[in-house]
Amino acid sequence: MAGDMSDAKFLTVAEVAAMMRVSKMTVYRLVHNGDLPAVRVGRSFRVVEDDVNDYLRNSFYNAG
């Protein structure tokens, strides 16, 4: 994650949950388990939108 972060779009946990169609608790679990990188700002977390897209892209699997 090194480099220029000035163009990064940071999302709240609620925005990530809405984007992924899951609960906020699921997003918190992903962050705390290290599956989804996040930055702590005070008492809340912010997640880079590209990291959410990468997580979703890498989570696909074939069922059946």
PDB file of N, CA and C in Angstrom:
ATOM      1  N   MET A   1       0.807  -1.181   0.000  1.00  0.00           N
ATOM      2  CA  MET A   1       0.000   0.000   0.000  1.00  0.00           C
ATOM      3  C   MET A   1       0.859   1.256   0.000  1.00  0.00           C
ATOM      4  N   ALA A   2       2.114   1.096  -0.302  1.00  0.00           N
ATOM      5  CA  ALA A   2       2.996   2.255  -0.352  1.00  0.00           C
ATOM      6  C   ALA A   2       2.703   3.072  -1.596  1.00  0.00           C
ATOM      7  N   GLY A   3       3.001   4.329  -1.514  1.00  0.00           N
ATOM      8  CA  GLY A   3       2.809   5.181  -2.675  1.00  0.00           C
ATOM      9  C   GLY A   3       1.887   6.337  -2.382  1.00  0.00           C
ATOM     10  N   ASP A   4       1.476   6.988  -3.455  1.00  0.00           N
ATOM     11  CA  ASP A   4       0.640   8.175  -3.355  1.00  0.00           C
ATOM     12  C   ASP A   4      -0.812   7.790  -3.083  1.00  0.00           C
ATOM     13  N   MET A   5      -1.345   8.229  -1.945  1.00  0.00           N
ATOM     14  CA  MET A   5      -2.714   7.910  -1.572  1.00  0.00           C
ATOM     15  C   MET A   5      -3.647   9.099  -1.778  1.00  0.00           C
ATOM     16  N   SER A   6      -3.163  10.159  -2.435  1.00  0.00           N
ATOM     17  CA  SER A   6      -3.984  11.364  -2.586  1.00  0.00           C
ATOM     18  C   SER A   6      -5.214  11.134  -3.468  1.00  0.00           C
ATOM     19  N   ASP A   7      -5.160  10.145  -4.352  1.00  0.00           N
ATOM     20  CA  ASP A   7      -6.296   9.858  -5.231  1.00  0.00           C
ATOM     21  C   ASP A   7      -7.211   8.783  -4.668  1.00  0.00           C
ATOM     22  N   ALA A   8      -6.847   8.184  -3.541  1.00  0.00           N
ATOM     23  CA  ALA A   8      -7.621   7.085  -2.970  1.00  0.00           C
ATOM     24  C   ALA A   8      -8.964   7.593  -2.450  1.00  0.00           C
ATOM     25  N   LYS A   9      -9.993   6.808  -2.686  1.00  0.00           N
ATOM     26  CA  LYS A   9     -11.317   7.129  -2.152  1.00  0.00           C
ATOM     27  C   LYS A   9     -11.550   6.240  -0.935  1.00  0.00           C
ATOM     28  N   PHE A  10     -11.698   6.862   0.220  1.00  0.00           N
ATOM     29  CA  PHE A  10     -11.898   6.130   1.460  1.00  0.00           C
ATOM     30  C   PHE A  10     -13.386   5.985   1.739  1.00  0.00           C
ATOM     31  N   LEU A  11     -13.791   4.788   2.137  1.00  0.00           N
ATOM     32  CA  LEU A  11     -15.185   4.489   2.433  1.00  0.00           C
ATOM     33  C   LEU A  11     -15.347   4.162   3.910  1.00  0.00           C
ATOM     34  N   THR A  12     -16.497   4.480   4.455  1.00  0.00           N
ATOM     35  CA  THR A  12     -16.807   4.088   5.829  1.00  0.00           C
ATOM     36  C   THR A  12     -17.217   2.615   5.837  1.00  0.00           C
ATOM     37  N   VAL A  13     -17.288   2.042   7.021  1.00  0.00           N
ATOM     38  CA  VAL A  13     -17.727   0.655   7.157  1.00  0.00           C
ATOM     39  C   VAL A  13     -19.152   0.499   6.627  1.00  0.00           C
ATOM     40  N   ALA A  14     -20.006   1.465   6.896  1.00  0.00           N
ATOM     41  CA  ALA A  14     -21.383   1.413   6.401  1.00  0.00           C
ATOM     42  C   ALA A  14     -21.429   1.435   4.876  1.00  0.00           C
ATOM     43  N   GLU A  15     -20.595   2.253   4.251  1.00  0.00           N
ATOM     44  CA  GLU A  15     -20.553   2.317   2.781  1.00  0.00           C
ATOM     45  C   GLU A  15     -20.040   1.009   2.194  1.00  0.00           C
ATOM     46  N   VAL A  16     -19.025   0.414   2.836  1.00  0.00           N
ATOM     47  CA  VAL A  16     -18.499  -0.873   2.369  1.00  0.00           C
ATOM     48  C   VAL A  16     -19.577  -1.944   2.497  1.00  0.00           C
ATOM     49  N   ALA A  17     -20.288  -1.953   3.621  1.00  0.00           N
ATOM     50  CA  ALA A  17     -21.348  -2.940   3.837  1.00  0.00           C
ATOM     51  C   ALA A  17     -22.440  -2.814   2.772  1.00  0.00           C
ATOM     52  N   ALA A  18     -22.822  -1.593   2.453  1.00  0.00           N
ATOM     53  CA  ALA A  18     -23.836  -1.379   1.424  1.00  0.00           C
ATOM     54  C   ALA A  18     -23.333  -1.823   0.055  1.00  0.00           C
ATOM     55  N   MET A  19     -22.084  -1.543  -0.220  1.00  0.00           N
ATOM     56  CA  MET A  19     -21.482  -1.902  -1.505  1.00  0.00           C
ATOM     57  C   MET A  19     -21.416  -3.424  -1.678  1.00  0.00           C
ATOM     58  N   MET A  20     -21.095  -4.128  -0.577  1.00  0.00           N
ATOM     59  CA  MET A  20     -20.949  -5.583  -0.619  1.00  0.00           C
ATOM     60  C   MET A  20     -22.261  -6.308  -0.335  1.00  0.00           C
ATOM     61  N   ARG A  21     -23.299  -5.558   0.076  1.00  0.00           N
ATOM     62  CA  ARG A  21     -24.599  -6.131   0.438  1.00  0.00           C
ATOM     63  C   ARG A  21     -24.469  -7.118   1.606  1.00  0.00           C
ATOM     64  N   VAL A  22     -23.720  -6.691   2.632  1.00  0.00           N
ATOM     65  CA  VAL A  22     -23.558  -7.471   3.863  1.00  0.00           C
ATOM     66  C   VAL A  22     -23.779  -6.536   5.048  1.00  0.00           C
ATOM     67  N   SER A  23     -23.750  -7.084   6.257  1.00  0.00           N
ATOM     68  CA  SER A  23     -23.927  -6.255   7.441  1.00  0.00           C
ATOM     69  C   SER A  23     -22.619  -5.551   7.799  1.00  0.00           C
ATOM     70  N   LYS A  24     -22.739  -4.500   8.608  1.00  0.00           N
ATOM     71  CA  LYS A  24     -21.542  -3.798   9.073  1.00  0.00           C
ATOM     72  C   LYS A  24     -20.670  -4.734   9.909  1.00  0.00           C
ATOM     73  N   MET A  25     -21.287  -5.633  10.678  1.00  0.00           N
ATOM     74  CA  MET A  25     -20.526  -6.576  11.496  1.00  0.00           C
ATOM     75  C   MET A  25     -19.645  -7.466  10.623  1.00  0.00           C
ATOM     76  N   THR A  26     -20.128  -7.865   9.463  1.00  0.00           N
ATOM     77  CA  THR A  26     -19.329  -8.676   8.542  1.00  0.00           C
ATOM     78  C   THR A  26     -18.098  -7.897   8.083  1.00  0.00           C
ATOM     79  N   VAL A  27     -18.271  -6.623   7.795  1.00  0.00           N
ATOM     80  CA  VAL A  27     -17.144  -5.787   7.377  1.00  0.00           C
ATOM     81  C   VAL A  27     -16.141  -5.659   8.527  1.00  0.00           C
ATOM     82  N   TYR A  28     -16.637  -5.427   9.750  1.00  0.00           N
ATOM     83  CA  TYR A  28     -15.745  -5.349  10.906  1.00  0.00           C
ATOM     84  C   TYR A  28     -14.959  -6.644  11.081  1.00  0.00           C
ATOM     85  N   ARG A  29     -15.608  -7.791  10.881  1.00  0.00           N
ATOM     86  CA  ARG A  29     -14.901  -9.082  10.989  1.00  0.00           C
ATOM     87  C   ARG A  29     -13.804  -9.189   9.936  1.00  0.00           C
ATOM     88  N   LEU A  30     -14.104  -8.786   8.702  1.00  0.00           N
ATOM     89  CA  LEU A  30     -13.104  -8.837   7.630  1.00  0.00           C
ATOM     90  C   LEU A  30     -11.910  -7.949   7.965  1.00  0.00           C
ATOM     91  N   VAL A  31     -12.171  -6.781   8.523  1.00  0.00           N
ATOM     92  CA  VAL A  31     -11.096  -5.856   8.894  1.00  0.00           C
ATOM     93  C   VAL A  31     -10.266  -6.436  10.034  1.00  0.00           C
ATOM     94  N   HIS A  32     -10.932  -6.907  11.088  1.00  0.00           N
ATOM     95  CA  HIS A  32     -10.222  -7.417  12.257  1.00  0.00           C
ATOM     96  C   HIS A  32      -9.453  -8.704  11.954  1.00  0.00           C
ATOM     97  N   ASN A  33      -9.940  -9.516  11.006  1.00  0.00           N
ATOM     98  CA  ASN A  33      -9.229 -10.741  10.622  1.00  0.00           C
ATOM     99  C   ASN A  33      -8.080 -10.469   9.663  1.00  0.00           C
ATOM    100  N   GLY A  34      -7.995  -9.243   9.163  1.00  0.00           N
ATOM    101  CA  GLY A  34      -6.927  -8.896   8.234  1.00  0.00           C
ATOM    102  C   GLY A  34      -7.237  -9.220   6.788  1.00  0.00           C
ATOM    103  N   ASP A  35      -8.469  -9.635   6.509  1.00  0.00           N
ATOM    104  CA  ASP A  35      -8.859  -9.963   5.134  1.00  0.00           C
ATOM    105  C   ASP A  35      -9.097  -8.715   4.289  1.00  0.00           C
ATOM    106  N   LEU A  36      -9.450  -7.623   4.944  1.00  0.00           N
ATOM    107  CA  LEU A  36      -9.732  -6.369   4.250  1.00  0.00           C
ATOM    108  C   LEU A  36      -8.921  -5.262   4.920  1.00  0.00           C
ATOM    109  N   PRO A  37      -7.939  -4.692   4.219  1.00  0.00           N
ATOM    110  CA  PRO A  37      -7.110  -3.639   4.818  1.00  0.00           C
ATOM    111  C   PRO A  37      -7.938  -2.396   5.138  1.00  0.00           C
ATOM    112  N   ALA A  38      -7.622  -1.771   6.259  1.00  0.00           N
ATOM    113  CA  ALA A  38      -8.342  -0.573   6.672  1.00  0.00           C
ATOM    114  C   ALA A  38      -7.405   0.334   7.457  1.00  0.00           C
ATOM    115  N   VAL A  39      -7.792   1.592   7.526  1.00  0.00           N
ATOM    116  CA  VAL A  39      -7.062   2.601   8.292  1.00  0.00           C
ATOM    117  C   VAL A  39      -7.962   3.012   9.447  1.00  0.00           C
ATOM    118  N   ARG A  40      -7.391   3.054  10.632  1.00  0.00           N
ATOM    119  CA  ARG A  40      -8.174   3.496  11.779  1.00  0.00           C
ATOM    120  C   ARG A  40      -8.047   5.009  11.910  1.00  0.00           C
ATOM    121  N   VAL A  41      -9.189   5.680  11.951  1.00  0.00           N
ATOM    122  CA  VAL A  41      -9.236   7.134  12.112  1.00  0.00           C
ATOM    123  C   VAL A  41     -10.051   7.394  13.368  1.00  0.00           C
ATOM    124  N   GLY A  42      -9.355   7.720  14.441  1.00  0.00           N
ATOM    125  CA  GLY A  42     -10.055   7.876  15.714  1.00  0.00           C
ATOM    126  C   GLY A  42     -10.622   6.548  16.154  1.00  0.00           C
ATOM    127  N   ARG A  43     -11.933   6.497  16.326  1.00  0.00           N
ATOM    128  CA  ARG A  43     -12.585   5.260  16.742  1.00  0.00           C
ATOM    129  C   ARG A  43     -13.242   4.528  15.574  1.00  0.00           C
ATOM    130  N   SER A  44     -13.080   5.016  14.361  1.00  0.00           N
ATOM    131  CA  SER A  44     -13.718   4.393  13.211  1.00  0.00           C
ATOM    132  C   SER A  44     -12.674   3.918  12.207  1.00  0.00           C
ATOM    133  N   PHE A  45     -13.130   3.154  11.239  1.00  0.00           N
ATOM    134  CA  PHE A  45     -12.258   2.627  10.196  1.00  0.00           C
ATOM    135  C   PHE A  45     -12.632   3.229   8.856  1.00  0.00           C
ATOM    136  N   ARG A  46     -11.643   3.349   7.994  1.00  0.00           N
ATOM    137  CA  ARG A  46     -11.858   3.744   6.606  1.00  0.00           C
ATOM    138  C   ARG A  46     -11.171   2.707   5.732  1.00  0.00           C
ATOM    139  N   VAL A  47     -11.846   2.348   4.642  1.00  0.00           N
ATOM    140  CA  VAL A  47     -11.344   1.323   3.732  1.00  0.00           C
ATOM    141  C   VAL A  47     -11.213   1.945   2.348  1.00  0.00           C
ATOM    142  N   VAL A  48     -10.095   1.695   1.695  1.00  0.00           N
ATOM    143  CA  VAL A  48      -9.882   2.208   0.340  1.00  0.00           C
ATOM    144  C   VAL A  48     -10.784   1.433  -0.623  1.00  0.00           C
ATOM    145  N   GLU A  49     -11.486   2.156  -1.474  1.00  0.00           N
ATOM    146  CA  GLU A  49     -12.431   1.538  -2.400  1.00  0.00           C
ATOM    147  C   GLU A  49     -11.769   0.476  -3.276  1.00  0.00           C
ATOM    148  N   ASP A  50     -10.549   0.721  -3.725  1.00  0.00           N
ATOM    149  CA  ASP A  50      -9.838  -0.257  -4.551  1.00  0.00           C
ATOM    150  C   ASP A  50      -9.592  -1.560  -3.799  1.00  0.00           C
ATOM    151  N   ASP A  51      -9.366  -1.482  -2.475  1.00  0.00           N
ATOM    152  CA  ASP A  51      -9.169  -2.688  -1.675  1.00  0.00           C
ATOM    153  C   ASP A  51     -10.448  -3.512  -1.589  1.00  0.00           C
ATOM    154  N   VAL A  52     -11.592  -2.835  -1.518  1.00  0.00           N
ATOM    155  CA  VAL A  52     -12.878  -3.541  -1.514  1.00  0.00           C
ATOM    156  C   VAL A  52     -13.079  -4.243  -2.852  1.00  0.00           C
ATOM    157  N   ASN A  53     -12.812  -3.545  -3.936  1.00  0.00           N
ATOM    158  CA  ASN A  53     -12.959  -4.146  -5.265  1.00  0.00           C
ATOM    159  C   ASN A  53     -12.017  -5.333  -5.442  1.00  0.00           C
ATOM    160  N   ASP A  54     -10.778  -5.213  -4.974  1.00  0.00           N
ATOM    161  CA  ASP A  54      -9.826  -6.322  -5.051  1.00  0.00           C
ATOM    162  C   ASP A  54     -10.301  -7.514  -4.233  1.00  0.00           C
ATOM    163  N   TYR A  55     -10.807  -7.255  -3.030  1.00  0.00           N
ATOM    164  CA  TYR A  55     -11.315  -8.337  -2.185  1.00  0.00           C
ATOM    165  C   TYR A  55     -12.449  -9.072  -2.891  1.00  0.00           C
ATOM    166  N   LEU A  56     -13.391  -8.331  -3.444  1.00  0.00           N
ATOM    167  CA  LEU A  56     -14.515  -8.960  -4.130  1.00  0.00           C
ATOM    168  C   LEU A  56     -14.062  -9.731  -5.367  1.00  0.00           C
ATOM    169  N   ARG A  57     -13.149  -9.155  -6.121  1.00  0.00           N
ATOM    170  CA  ARG A  57     -12.640  -9.801  -7.329  1.00  0.00           C
ATOM    171  C   ARG A  57     -11.950 -11.126  -6.992  1.00  0.00           C
ATOM    172  N   ASN A  58     -11.200 -11.151  -5.886  1.00  0.00           N
ATOM    173  CA  ASN A  58     -10.453 -12.348  -5.497  1.00  0.00           C
ATOM    174  C   ASN A  58     -11.293 -13.355  -4.722  1.00  0.00           C
ATOM    175  N   SER A  59     -12.524 -13.013  -4.390  1.00  0.00           N
ATOM    176  CA  SER A  59     -13.381 -13.905  -3.597  1.00  0.00           C
ATOM    177  C   SER A  59     -14.280 -14.791  -4.454  1.00  0.00           C
ATOM    178  N   PHE A  60     -14.303 -14.582  -5.739  1.00  0.00           N
ATOM    179  CA  PHE A  60     -15.155 -15.394  -6.604  1.00  0.00           C
ATOM    180  C   PHE A  60     -14.628 -16.814  -6.684  1.00  0.00           C
ATOM    181  N   TYR A  61     -15.562 -17.765  -6.711  1.00  0.00           N
ATOM    182  CA  TYR A  61     -15.202 -19.168  -6.917  1.00  0.00           C
ATOM    183  C   TYR A  61     -16.342 -19.849  -7.643  1.00  0.00           C
ATOM    184  N   ASN A  62     -16.010 -20.952  -8.290  1.00  0.00           N
ATOM    185  CA  ASN A  62     -17.014 -21.704  -9.042  1.00  0.00           C
ATOM    186  C   ASN A  62     -17.674 -22.713  -8.118  1.00  0.00           C
ATOM    187  N   ALA A  63     -18.982 -22.683  -8.053  1.00  0.00           N
ATOM    188  CA  ALA A  63     -19.736 -23.637  -7.248  1.00  0.00           C
ATOM    189  C   ALA A  63     -20.389 -24.650  -8.183  1.00  0.00           C
ATOM    190  N   GLY A  64     -20.146 -25.893  -7.908  1.00  0.00           N
ATOM    191  CA  GLY A  64     -20.816 -26.931  -8.689  1.00  0.00           C
ATOM    192  C   GLY A  64     -20.021 -27.535  -9.715  1.00  0.00           C
TER     193      GLY A  64
END
